[in-house]
């Protein structure tokens, strides 16, 4: 499923690695359902992001999706995008609230980019 700027996250270790590899910058995580029309539409939206995006396909890695909900204290939804730094959620949205431009703006602001 990984393609474009997507980095597949299929276990908790790869989630930890993806987030820690961002260092002081935020990381973008996208939870996707391959059985949902809304998620397919949002996938196309998120694929426009010019930065690496960690993708969790819920049908293949539900335990990772559950860990994200537990770790960040958010309710599980798909599609759902998060911008995180370490163990803190800087921004999250689900369904049609997931917009590439909003994610790029939050990322740039959190990274101190102009």
PDB file of N, CA and C in Angstrom:
ATOM      1  N   UNK A   1       0.834  -1.203   0.000  1.00  0.00           N
ATOM      2  CA  UNK A   1       0.000   0.000   0.000  1.00  0.00           C
ATOM      3  C   UNK A   1       0.870   1.253   0.000  1.00  0.00           C
ATOM      4  N   UNK A   2       2.067   1.190   0.570  1.00  0.00           N
ATOM      5  CA  UNK A   2       2.902   2.384   0.637  1.00  0.00           C
ATOM      6  C   UNK A   2       3.271   2.838  -0.766  1.00  0.00           C
ATOM      7  N   UNK A   3       3.207   4.107  -0.987  1.00  0.00           N
ATOM      8  CA  UNK A   3       3.533   4.699  -2.276  1.00  0.00           C
ATOM      9  C   UNK A   3       3.553   6.194  -2.092  1.00  0.00           C
ATOM     10  N   UNK A   4       3.795   6.939  -3.154  1.00  0.00           N
ATOM     11  CA  UNK A   4       3.902   8.394  -3.056  1.00  0.00           C
ATOM     12  C   UNK A   4       4.869   8.720  -1.924  1.00  0.00           C
ATOM     13  N   UNK A   5       4.454   9.507  -0.944  1.00  0.00           N
ATOM     14  CA  UNK A   5       5.313   9.821   0.188  1.00  0.00           C
ATOM     15  C   UNK A   5       4.989   8.979   1.397  1.00  0.00           C
ATOM     16  N   UNK A   6       4.241   7.888   1.191  1.00  0.00           N
ATOM     17  CA  UNK A   6       3.797   7.059   2.302  1.00  0.00           C
ATOM     18  C   UNK A   6       4.890   6.094   2.762  1.00  0.00           C
ATOM     19  N   UNK A   7       4.965   5.947   4.083  1.00  0.00           N
ATOM     20  CA  UNK A   7       5.860   4.976   4.715  1.00  0.00           C
ATOM     21  C   UNK A   7       4.947   4.029   5.485  1.00  0.00           C
ATOM     22  N   UNK A   8       4.967   2.768   5.130  1.00  0.00           N
ATOM     23  CA  UNK A   8       4.064   1.812   5.758  1.00  0.00           C
ATOM     24  C   UNK A   8       4.451   1.556   7.208  1.00  0.00           C
ATOM     25  N   UNK A   9       3.447   1.626   8.063  1.00  0.00           N
ATOM     26  CA  UNK A   9       3.599   1.315   9.486  1.00  0.00           C
ATOM     27  C   UNK A   9       2.697   0.124   9.758  1.00  0.00           C
ATOM     28  N   UNK A  10       3.302  -1.033  10.026  1.00  0.00           N
ATOM     29  CA  UNK A  10       2.498  -2.234  10.217  1.00  0.00           C
ATOM     30  C   UNK A  10       2.715  -2.909  11.567  1.00  0.00           C
ATOM     31  N   UNK A  11       3.528  -2.284  12.423  1.00  0.00           N
ATOM     32  CA  UNK A  11       3.695  -2.786  13.779  1.00  0.00           C
ATOM     33  C   UNK A  11       4.104  -1.624  14.692  1.00  0.00           C
ATOM     34  N   UNK A  12       4.024  -1.845  15.986  1.00  0.00           N
ATOM     35  CA  UNK A  12       4.301  -0.776  16.946  1.00  0.00           C
ATOM     36  C   UNK A  12       5.754  -0.315  16.843  1.00  0.00           C
ATOM     37  N   UNK A  13       6.662  -1.227  16.565  1.00  0.00           N
ATOM     38  CA  UNK A  13       8.074  -0.854  16.430  1.00  0.00           C
ATOM     39  C   UNK A  13       8.271   0.115  15.256  1.00  0.00           C
ATOM     40  N   UNK A  14       7.600  -0.148  14.131  1.00  0.00           N
ATOM     41  CA  UNK A  14       7.754   0.771  12.990  1.00  0.00           C
ATOM     42  C   UNK A  14       7.078   2.113  13.267  1.00  0.00           C
ATOM     43  N   UNK A  15       6.026   2.117  14.080  1.00  0.00           N
ATOM     44  CA  UNK A  15       5.417   3.381  14.510  1.00  0.00           C
ATOM     45  C   UNK A  15       6.413   4.175  15.343  1.00  0.00           C
ATOM     46  N   UNK A  16       7.023   3.527  16.314  1.00  0.00           N
ATOM     47  CA  UNK A  16       8.008   4.190  17.167  1.00  0.00           C
ATOM     48  C   UNK A  16       9.174   4.720  16.342  1.00  0.00           C
ATOM     49  N   UNK A  17       9.653   3.917  15.413  1.00  0.00           N
ATOM     50  CA  UNK A  17      10.780   4.325  14.581  1.00  0.00           C
ATOM     51  C   UNK A  17      10.418   5.516  13.698  1.00  0.00           C
ATOM     52  N   UNK A  18       9.228   5.489  13.105  1.00  0.00           N
ATOM     53  CA  UNK A  18       8.803   6.586  12.241  1.00  0.00           C
ATOM     54  C   UNK A  18       8.731   7.896  13.032  1.00  0.00           C
ATOM     55  N   UNK A  19       8.137   7.846  14.209  1.00  0.00           N
ATOM     56  CA  UNK A  19       8.001   9.056  15.027  1.00  0.00           C
ATOM     57  C   UNK A  19       9.373   9.529  15.513  1.00  0.00           C
ATOM     58  N   UNK A  20      10.204   8.627  15.983  1.00  0.00           N
ATOM     59  CA  UNK A  20      11.512   9.046  16.497  1.00  0.00           C
ATOM     60  C   UNK A  20      12.433   9.525  15.383  1.00  0.00           C
ATOM     61  N   UNK A  21      12.278   9.001  14.169  1.00  0.00           N
ATOM     62  CA  UNK A  21      13.138   9.434  13.060  1.00  0.00           C
ATOM     63  C   UNK A  21      12.864  10.885  12.657  1.00  0.00           C
ATOM     64  N   UNK A  22      11.714  11.418  13.062  1.00  0.00           N
ATOM     65  CA  UNK A  22      11.408  12.823  12.767  1.00  0.00           C
ATOM     66  C   UNK A  22      12.236  13.760  13.644  1.00  0.00           C
ATOM     67  N   UNK A  23      12.807  13.233  14.722  1.00  0.00           N
ATOM     68  CA  UNK A  23      13.615  14.050  15.613  1.00  0.00           C
ATOM     69  C   UNK A  23      12.782  15.136  16.262  1.00  0.00           C
ATOM     70  N   UNK A  24      13.255  16.371  16.146  1.00  0.00           N
ATOM     71  CA  UNK A  24      12.540  17.504  16.729  1.00  0.00           C
ATOM     72  C   UNK A  24      11.367  17.952  15.869  1.00  0.00           C
ATOM     73  N   UNK A  25      11.318  17.478  14.625  1.00  0.00           N
ATOM     74  CA  UNK A  25      10.210  17.824  13.740  1.00  0.00           C
ATOM     75  C   UNK A  25       8.998  16.961  14.056  1.00  0.00           C
ATOM     76  N   UNK A  26       7.838  17.414  13.660  1.00  0.00           N
ATOM     77  CA  UNK A  26       6.655  16.571  13.841  1.00  0.00           C
ATOM     78  C   UNK A  26       6.652  15.419  12.840  1.00  0.00           C
ATOM     79  N   UNK A  27       5.808  14.441  13.097  1.00  0.00           N
ATOM     80  CA  UNK A  27       5.587  13.322  12.189  1.00  0.00           C
ATOM     81  C   UNK A  27       4.109  13.296  11.821  1.00  0.00           C
ATOM     82  N   UNK A  28       3.827  12.905  10.594  1.00  0.00           N
ATOM     83  CA  UNK A  28       2.453  12.824  10.104  1.00  0.00           C
ATOM     84  C   UNK A  28       2.080  11.344  10.019  1.00  0.00           C
ATOM     85  N   UNK A  29       0.972  10.987  10.670  1.00  0.00           N
ATOM     86  CA  UNK A  29       0.486   9.611  10.670  1.00  0.00           C
ATOM     87  C   UNK A  29      -0.936   9.614  10.106  1.00  0.00           C
ATOM     88  N   UNK A  30      -1.180   8.706   9.170  1.00  0.00           N
ATOM     89  CA  UNK A  30      -2.486   8.602   8.517  1.00  0.00           C
ATOM     90  C   UNK A  30      -3.024   7.191   8.704  1.00  0.00           C
ATOM     91  N   UNK A  31      -4.200   7.092   9.316  1.00  0.00           N
ATOM     92  CA  UNK A  31      -4.871   5.803   9.494  1.00  0.00           C
ATOM     93  C   UNK A  31      -5.888   5.651   8.367  1.00  0.00           C
ATOM     94  N   UNK A  32      -5.747   4.574   7.603  1.00  0.00           N
ATOM     95  CA  UNK A  32      -6.519   4.370   6.388  1.00  0.00           C
ATOM     96  C   UNK A  32      -7.248   3.032   6.429  1.00  0.00           C
ATOM     97  N   UNK A  33      -8.480   3.035   5.933  1.00  0.00           N
ATOM     98  CA  UNK A  33      -9.234   1.794   5.765  1.00  0.00           C
ATOM     99  C   UNK A  33      -9.355   1.518   4.274  1.00  0.00           C
ATOM    100  N   UNK A  34      -8.923   0.332   3.849  1.00  0.00           N
ATOM    101  CA  UNK A  34      -9.035   0.014   2.433  1.00  0.00           C
ATOM    102  C   UNK A  34     -10.416  -0.528   2.067  1.00  0.00           C
ATOM    103  N   UNK A  35     -11.361  -0.441   3.005  1.00  0.00           N
ATOM    104  CA  UNK A  35     -12.731  -0.890   2.754  1.00  0.00           C
ATOM    105  C   UNK A  35     -13.736   0.258   2.828  1.00  0.00           C
ATOM    106  N   UNK A  36     -13.236   1.483   2.778  1.00  0.00           N
ATOM    107  CA  UNK A  36     -14.103   2.655   2.998  1.00  0.00           C
ATOM    108  C   UNK A  36     -13.918   3.659   1.865  1.00  0.00           C
ATOM    109  N   UNK A  37     -15.005   4.047   1.245  1.00  0.00           N
ATOM    110  CA  UNK A  37     -14.950   5.020   0.160  1.00  0.00           C
ATOM    111  C   UNK A  37     -14.444   6.377   0.612  1.00  0.00           C
ATOM    112  N   UNK A  38     -14.855   6.814   1.789  1.00  0.00           N
ATOM    113  CA  UNK A  38     -14.369   8.102   2.299  1.00  0.00           C
ATOM    114  C   UNK A  38     -12.860   8.030   2.500  1.00  0.00           C
ATOM    115  N   UNK A  39     -12.381   6.917   3.041  1.00  0.00           N
ATOM    116  CA  UNK A  39     -10.948   6.778   3.278  1.00  0.00           C
ATOM    117  C   UNK A  39     -10.178   6.786   1.951  1.00  0.00           C
ATOM    118  N   UNK A  40     -10.732   6.195   0.902  1.00  0.00           N
ATOM    119  CA  UNK A  40     -10.075   6.213  -0.409  1.00  0.00           C
ATOM    120  C   UNK A  40      -9.945   7.640  -0.929  1.00  0.00           C
ATOM    121  N   UNK A  41     -10.978   8.427  -0.729  1.00  0.00           N
ATOM    122  CA  UNK A  41     -10.943   9.828  -1.164  1.00  0.00           C
ATOM    123  C   UNK A  41      -9.913  10.616  -0.348  1.00  0.00           C
ATOM    124  N   UNK A  42      -9.900  10.399   0.950  1.00  0.00           N
ATOM    125  CA  UNK A  42      -8.951  11.098   1.816  1.00  0.00           C
ATOM    126  C   UNK A  42      -7.519  10.626   1.535  1.00  0.00           C
ATOM    127  N   UNK A  43      -7.341   9.362   1.183  1.00  0.00           N
ATOM    128  CA  UNK A  43      -6.020   8.853   0.788  1.00  0.00           C
ATOM    129  C   UNK A  43      -5.461   9.695  -0.364  1.00  0.00           C
ATOM    130  N   UNK A  44      -6.284   9.957  -1.368  1.00  0.00           N
ATOM    131  CA  UNK A  44      -5.843  10.789  -2.495  1.00  0.00           C
ATOM    132  C   UNK A  44      -5.460  12.188  -2.026  1.00  0.00           C
ATOM    133  N   UNK A  45      -6.203  12.723  -1.089  1.00  0.00           N
ATOM    134  CA  UNK A  45      -5.900  14.045  -0.527  1.00  0.00           C
ATOM    135  C   UNK A  45      -4.552  14.018   0.187  1.00  0.00           C
ATOM    136  N   UNK A  46      -4.353  13.033   1.050  1.00  0.00           N
ATOM    137  CA  UNK A  46      -3.125  12.943   1.837  1.00  0.00           C
ATOM    138  C   UNK A  46      -1.919  12.654   0.938  1.00  0.00           C
ATOM    139  N   UNK A  47      -2.139  11.973  -0.175  1.00  0.00           N
ATOM    140  CA  UNK A  47      -1.022  11.660  -1.075  1.00  0.00           C
ATOM    141  C   UNK A  47      -0.427  12.918  -1.707  1.00  0.00           C
ATOM    142  N   UNK A  48      -1.081  14.050  -1.585  1.00  0.00           N
ATOM    143  CA  UNK A  48      -0.563  15.322  -2.094  1.00  0.00           C
ATOM    144  C   UNK A  48       0.475  15.945  -1.170  1.00  0.00           C
ATOM    145  N   UNK A  49       0.585  15.444   0.040  1.00  0.00           N
ATOM    146  CA  UNK A  49       1.526  15.999   1.016  1.00  0.00           C
ATOM    147  C   UNK A  49       2.948  15.716   0.540  1.00  0.00           C
ATOM    148  N   UNK A  50       3.800  16.721   0.649  1.00  0.00           N
ATOM    149  CA  UNK A  50       5.159  16.626   0.114  1.00  0.00           C
ATOM    150  C   UNK A  50       6.161  16.056   1.118  1.00  0.00           C
ATOM    151  N   UNK A  51       5.703  15.683   2.277  1.00  0.00           N
ATOM    152  CA  UNK A  51       6.579  15.151   3.331  1.00  0.00           C
ATOM    153  C   UNK A  51       6.259  13.675   3.541  1.00  0.00           C
ATOM    154  N   UNK A  52       7.142  12.945   4.211  1.00  0.00           N
ATOM    155  CA  UNK A  52       6.819  11.546   4.522  1.00  0.00           C
ATOM    156  C   UNK A  52       5.578  11.455   5.407  1.00  0.00           C
ATOM    157  N   UNK A  53       4.718  10.508   5.091  1.00  0.00           N
ATOM    158  CA  UNK A  53       3.497  10.263   5.854  1.00  0.00           C
ATOM    159  C   UNK A  53       3.486   8.791   6.243  1.00  0.00           C
ATOM    160  N   UNK A  54       3.449   8.529   7.533  1.00  0.00           N
ATOM    161  CA  UNK A  54       3.321   7.152   7.998  1.00  0.00           C
ATOM    162  C   UNK A  54       1.888   6.700   7.808  1.00  0.00           C
ATOM    163  N   UNK A  55       1.695   5.582   7.101  1.00  0.00           N
ATOM    164  CA  UNK A  55       0.339   5.089   6.848  1.00  0.00           C
ATOM    165  C   UNK A  55       0.115   3.777   7.579  1.00  0.00           C
ATOM    166  N   UNK A  56      -1.001   3.726   8.292  1.00  0.00           N
ATOM    167  CA  UNK A  56      -1.433   2.525   8.998  1.00  0.00           C
ATOM    168  C   UNK A  56      -2.706   2.050   8.302  1.00  0.00           C
ATOM    169  N   UNK A  57      -2.637   0.914   7.623  1.00  0.00           N
ATOM    170  CA  UNK A  57      -3.825   0.325   7.009  1.00  0.00           C
ATOM    171  C   UNK A  57      -4.500  -0.509   8.090  1.00  0.00           C
ATOM    172  N   UNK A  58      -5.658  -0.041   8.519  1.00  0.00           N
ATOM    173  CA  UNK A  58      -6.292  -0.601   9.711  1.00  0.00           C
ATOM    174  C   UNK A  58      -6.593  -2.092   9.558  1.00  0.00           C
ATOM    175  N   UNK A  59      -6.990  -2.544   8.379  1.00  0.00           N
ATOM    176  CA  UNK A  59      -7.288  -3.963   8.195  1.00  0.00           C
ATOM    177  C   UNK A  59      -6.044  -4.837   8.380  1.00  0.00           C
ATOM    178  N   UNK A  60      -4.881  -4.282   8.147  1.00  0.00           N
ATOM    179  CA  UNK A  60      -3.649  -5.052   8.254  1.00  0.00           C
ATOM    180  C   UNK A  60      -2.920  -4.828   9.574  1.00  0.00           C
ATOM    181  N   UNK A  61      -3.252  -3.755  10.268  1.00  0.00           N
ATOM    182  CA  UNK A  61      -2.502  -3.404  11.485  1.00  0.00           C
ATOM    183  C   UNK A  61      -3.423  -2.746  12.515  1.00  0.00           C
ATOM    184  N   UNK A  62      -4.511  -3.417  12.840  1.00  0.00           N
ATOM    185  CA  UNK A  62      -5.462  -2.853  13.805  1.00  0.00           C
ATOM    186  C   UNK A  62      -4.794  -2.619  15.157  1.00  0.00           C
ATOM    187  N   UNK A  63      -3.865  -3.496  15.537  1.00  0.00           N
ATOM    188  CA  UNK A  63      -3.174  -3.330  16.820  1.00  0.00           C
ATOM    189  C   UNK A  63      -2.374  -2.025  16.850  1.00  0.00           C
ATOM    190  N   UNK A  64      -1.879  -1.584  15.715  1.00  0.00           N
ATOM    191  CA  UNK A  64      -1.151  -0.309  15.661  1.00  0.00           C
ATOM    192  C   UNK A  64      -2.139   0.845  15.810  1.00  0.00           C
ATOM    193  N   UNK A  65      -3.283   0.737  15.137  1.00  0.00           N
ATOM    194  CA  UNK A  65      -4.315   1.762  15.275  1.00  0.00           C
ATOM    195  C   UNK A  65      -4.783   1.873  16.729  1.00  0.00           C
ATOM    196  N   UNK A  66      -4.959   0.728  17.374  1.00  0.00           N
ATOM    197  CA  UNK A  66      -5.351   0.728  18.790  1.00  0.00           C
ATOM    198  C   UNK A  66      -4.271   1.378  19.657  1.00  0.00           C
ATOM    199  N   UNK A  67      -3.001   1.119  19.340  1.00  0.00           N
ATOM    200  CA  UNK A  67      -1.897   1.714  20.098  1.00  0.00           C
ATOM    201  C   UNK A  67      -1.876   3.229  19.916  1.00  0.00           C
ATOM    202  N   UNK A  68      -2.151   3.695  18.708  1.00  0.00           N
ATOM    203  CA  UNK A  68      -2.202   5.139  18.456  1.00  0.00           C
ATOM    204  C   UNK A  68      -3.293   5.773  19.307  1.00  0.00           C
ATOM    205  N   UNK A  69      -4.471   5.161  19.331  1.00  0.00           N
ATOM    206  CA  UNK A  69      -5.579   5.680  20.146  1.00  0.00           C
ATOM    207  C   UNK A  69      -5.191   5.717  21.620  1.00  0.00           C
ATOM    208  N   UNK A  70      -4.587   4.638  22.103  1.00  0.00           N
ATOM    209  CA  UNK A  70      -4.190   4.567  23.509  1.00  0.00           C
ATOM    210  C   UNK A  70      -3.105   5.590  23.830  1.00  0.00           C
ATOM    211  N   UNK A  71      -2.066   5.591  23.025  1.00  0.00           N
ATOM    212  CA  UNK A  71      -0.895   6.429  23.288  1.00  0.00           C
ATOM    213  C   UNK A  71      -1.226   7.917  23.251  1.00  0.00           C
ATOM    214  N   UNK A  72      -2.032   8.315  22.291  1.00  0.00           N
ATOM    215  CA  UNK A  72      -2.298   9.739  22.110  1.00  0.00           C
ATOM    216  C   UNK A  72      -3.624  10.180  22.706  1.00  0.00           C
ATOM    217  N   UNK A  73      -4.364   9.251  23.306  1.00  0.00           N
ATOM    218  CA  UNK A  73      -5.610   9.606  23.980  1.00  0.00           C
ATOM    219  C   UNK A  73      -6.679  10.126  23.034  1.00  0.00           C
ATOM    220  N   UNK A  74      -6.752   9.530  21.853  1.00  0.00           N
ATOM    221  CA  UNK A  74      -7.760   9.943  20.886  1.00  0.00           C
ATOM    222  C   UNK A  74      -8.650   8.758  20.545  1.00  0.00           C
ATOM    223  N   UNK A  75      -9.851   9.046  20.113  1.00  0.00           N
ATOM    224  CA  UNK A  75     -10.768   7.998  19.699  1.00  0.00           C
ATOM    225  C   UNK A  75     -10.353   7.479  18.332  1.00  0.00           C
ATOM    226  N   UNK A  76     -10.435   6.163  18.130  1.00  0.00           N
ATOM    227  CA  UNK A  76     -10.122   5.564  16.841  1.00  0.00           C
ATOM    228  C   UNK A  76     -11.153   5.984  15.797  1.00  0.00           C
ATOM    229  N   UNK A  77     -10.673   6.462  14.663  1.00  0.00           N
ATOM    230  CA  UNK A  77     -11.517   6.737  13.513  1.00  0.00           C
ATOM    231  C   UNK A  77     -10.700   6.447  12.264  1.00  0.00           C
ATOM    232  N   UNK A  78     -11.375   6.130  11.178  1.00  0.00           N
ATOM    233  CA  UNK A  78     -10.707   6.054   9.881  1.00  0.00           C
ATOM    234  C   UNK A  78     -11.645   6.647   8.846  1.00  0.00           C
ATOM    235  N   UNK A  79     -11.100   7.416   7.964  1.00  0.00           N
ATOM    236  CA  UNK A  79      -9.713   7.859   7.926  1.00  0.00           C
ATOM    237  C   UNK A  79      -9.434   8.875   9.038  1.00  0.00           C
ATOM    238  N   UNK A  80      -8.181   8.932   9.438  1.00  0.00           N
ATOM    239  CA  UNK A  80      -7.773   9.851  10.497  1.00  0.00           C
ATOM    240  C   UNK A  80      -6.311  10.226  10.269  1.00  0.00           C
ATOM    241  N   UNK A  81      -6.009  11.494  10.419  1.00  0.00           N
ATOM    242  CA  UNK A  81      -4.628  11.962  10.291  1.00  0.00           C
ATOM    243  C   UNK A  81      -4.230  12.668  11.570  1.00  0.00           C
ATOM    244  N   UNK A  82      -2.962  12.492  11.935  1.00  0.00           N
ATOM    245  CA  UNK A  82      -2.416  13.138  13.121  1.00  0.00           C
ATOM    246  C   UNK A  82      -1.072  13.746  12.778  1.00  0.00           C
ATOM    247  N   UNK A  83      -0.806  14.879  13.372  1.00  0.00           N
ATOM    248  CA  UNK A  83       0.537  15.446  13.357  1.00  0.00           C
ATOM    249  C   UNK A  83       0.997  15.357  14.806  1.00  0.00           C
ATOM    250  N   UNK A  84       2.081  14.617  15.030  1.00  0.00           N
ATOM    251  CA  UNK A  84       2.553  14.359  16.388  1.00  0.00           C
ATOM    252  C   UNK A  84       4.026  14.724  16.516  1.00  0.00           C
ATOM    253  N   UNK A  85       4.412  15.019  17.723  1.00  0.00           N
ATOM    254  CA  UNK A  85       5.832  15.187  18.058  1.00  0.00           C
ATOM    255  C   UNK A  85       6.045  14.416  19.343  1.00  0.00           C
ATOM    256  N   UNK A  86       6.871  13.373  19.253  1.00  0.00           N
ATOM    257  CA  UNK A  86       7.065  12.522  20.423  1.00  0.00           C
ATOM    258  C   UNK A  86       5.758  11.872  20.817  1.00  0.00           C
ATOM    259  N   UNK A  87       5.308  12.126  22.041  1.00  0.00           N
ATOM    260  CA  UNK A  87       4.054  11.535  22.509  1.00  0.00           C
ATOM    261  C   UNK A  87       2.914  12.545  22.579  1.00  0.00           C
ATOM    262  N   UNK A  88       3.074  13.666  21.885  1.00  0.00           N
ATOM    263  CA  UNK A  88       2.065  14.731  21.913  1.00  0.00           C
ATOM    264  C   UNK A  88       1.400  14.879  20.547  1.00  0.00           C
ATOM    265  N   UNK A  89       0.074  14.996  20.554  1.00  0.00           N
ATOM    266  CA  UNK A  89      -0.676  15.274  19.338  1.00  0.00           C
ATOM    267  C   UNK A  89      -0.718  16.786  19.150  1.00  0.00           C
ATOM    268  N   UNK A  90      -0.217  17.254  18.022  1.00  0.00           N
ATOM    269  CA  UNK A  90      -0.252  18.677  17.711  1.00  0.00           C
ATOM    270  C   UNK A  90      -1.531  19.039  16.958  1.00  0.00           C
ATOM    271  N   UNK A  91      -2.054  18.061  16.224  1.00  0.00           N
ATOM    272  CA  UNK A  91      -3.251  18.275  15.402  1.00  0.00           C
ATOM    273  C   UNK A  91      -3.796  16.919  15.003  1.00  0.00           C
ATOM    274  N   UNK A  92      -5.113  16.817  14.909  1.00  0.00           N
ATOM    275  CA  UNK A  92      -5.720  15.609  14.365  1.00  0.00           C
ATOM    276  C   UNK A  92      -7.049  15.958  13.723  1.00  0.00           C
ATOM    277  N   UNK A  93      -7.431  15.134  12.761  1.00  0.00           N
ATOM    278  CA  UNK A  93      -8.721  15.295  12.094  1.00  0.00           C
ATOM    279  C   UNK A  93      -9.121  13.933  11.541  1.00  0.00           C
ATOM    280  N   UNK A  94     -10.408  13.804  11.259  1.00  0.00           N
ATOM    281  CA  UNK A  94     -10.881  12.559  10.664  1.00  0.00           C
ATOM    282  C   UNK A  94     -11.844  12.877   9.530  1.00  0.00           C
ATOM    283  N   UNK A  95     -12.088  11.863   8.746  1.00  0.00           N
ATOM    284  CA  UNK A  95     -12.995  11.933   7.618  1.00  0.00           C
ATOM    285  C   UNK A  95     -12.675  13.137   6.722  1.00  0.00           C
ATOM    286  N   UNK A  96     -13.675  13.916   6.357  1.00  0.00           N
ATOM    287  CA  UNK A  96     -13.431  15.022   5.422  1.00  0.00           C
ATOM    288  C   UNK A  96     -12.701  16.203   6.051  1.00  0.00           C
ATOM    289  N   UNK A  97     -12.438  16.143   7.342  1.00  0.00           N
ATOM    290  CA  UNK A  97     -11.626  17.169   7.992  1.00  0.00           C
ATOM    291  C   UNK A  97     -10.139  17.020   7.687  1.00  0.00           C
ATOM    292  N   UNK A  98      -9.762  15.891   7.105  1.00  0.00           N
ATOM    293  CA  UNK A  98      -8.356  15.646   6.754  1.00  0.00           C
ATOM    294  C   UNK A  98      -8.082  16.334   5.428  1.00  0.00           C
ATOM    295  N   UNK A  99      -7.306  17.418   5.481  1.00  0.00           N
ATOM    296  CA  UNK A  99      -6.966  18.202   4.288  1.00  0.00           C
ATOM    297  C   UNK A  99      -5.454  18.350   4.211  1.00  0.00           C
ATOM    298  N   UNK A 100      -4.905  18.109   3.028  1.00  0.00           N
ATOM    299  CA  UNK A 100      -3.452  18.194   2.831  1.00  0.00           C
ATOM    300  C   UNK A 100      -2.933  19.572   3.224  1.00  0.00           C
ATOM    301  N   UNK A 101      -3.622  20.615   2.818  1.00  0.00           N
ATOM    302  CA  UNK A 101      -3.160  21.969   3.120  1.00  0.00           C
ATOM    303  C   UNK A 101      -3.106  22.216   4.623  1.00  0.00           C
ATOM    304  N   UNK A 102      -4.100  21.760   5.356  1.00  0.00           N
ATOM    305  CA  UNK A 102      -4.109  21.941   6.815  1.00  0.00           C
ATOM    306  C   UNK A 102      -2.940  21.195   7.459  1.00  0.00           C
ATOM    307  N   UNK A 103      -2.679  19.974   6.987  1.00  0.00           N
ATOM    308  CA  UNK A 103      -1.575  19.189   7.535  1.00  0.00           C
ATOM    309  C   UNK A 103      -0.252  19.885   7.251  1.00  0.00           C
ATOM    310  N   UNK A 104      -0.069  20.349   6.020  1.00  0.00           N
ATOM    311  CA  UNK A 104       1.173  21.055   5.650  1.00  0.00           C
ATOM    312  C   UNK A 104       1.355  22.308   6.507  1.00  0.00           C
ATOM    313  N   UNK A 105       0.278  23.054   6.757  1.00  0.00           N
ATOM    314  CA  UNK A 105       0.370  24.280   7.551  1.00  0.00           C
ATOM    315  C   UNK A 105       0.736  23.970   8.999  1.00  0.00           C
ATOM    316  N   UNK A 106       0.108  22.970   9.594  1.00  0.00           N
ATOM    317  CA  UNK A 106       0.430  22.595  10.976  1.00  0.00           C
ATOM    318  C   UNK A 106       1.874  22.112  11.062  1.00  0.00           C
ATOM    319  N   UNK A 107       2.291  21.292  10.114  1.00  0.00           N
ATOM    320  CA  UNK A 107       3.659  20.782  10.105  1.00  0.00           C
ATOM    321  C   UNK A 107       4.660  21.935  10.007  1.00  0.00           C
ATOM    322  N   UNK A 108       4.434  22.847   9.066  1.00  0.00           N
ATOM    323  CA  UNK A 108       5.352  23.973   8.873  1.00  0.00           C
ATOM    324  C   UNK A 108       5.414  24.844  10.128  1.00  0.00           C
ATOM    325  N   UNK A 109       4.275  25.128  10.722  1.00  0.00           N
ATOM    326  CA  UNK A 109       4.228  25.944  11.922  1.00  0.00           C
ATOM    327  C   UNK A 109       4.965  25.272  13.074  1.00  0.00           C
ATOM    328  N   UNK A 110       4.736  23.987  13.258  1.00  0.00           N
ATOM    329  CA  UNK A 110       5.374  23.248  14.356  1.00  0.00           C
ATOM    330  C   UNK A 110       6.868  23.069  14.129  1.00  0.00           C
ATOM    331  N   UNK A 111       7.290  23.130  12.867  1.00  0.00           N
ATOM    332  CA  UNK A 111       8.707  22.982  12.540  1.00  0.00           C
ATOM    333  C   UNK A 111       9.436  24.311  12.524  1.00  0.00           C
ATOM    334  N   UNK A 112       8.694  25.399  12.688  1.00  0.00           N
ATOM    335  CA  UNK A 112       9.304  26.729  12.648  1.00  0.00           C
ATOM    336  C   UNK A 112       9.626  27.199  11.241  1.00  0.00           C
ATOM    337  N   UNK A 113       8.963  26.598  10.245  1.00  0.00           N
ATOM    338  CA  UNK A 113       9.174  27.020   8.864  1.00  0.00           C
ATOM    339  C   UNK A 113       8.370  28.297   8.597  1.00  0.00           C
ATOM    340  N   UNK A 114       8.855  29.140   7.699  1.00  0.00           N
ATOM    341  CA  UNK A 114       8.100  30.364   7.372  1.00  0.00           C
ATOM    342  C   UNK A 114       6.818  30.055   6.636  1.00  0.00           C
TER     343      UNK A 114
END
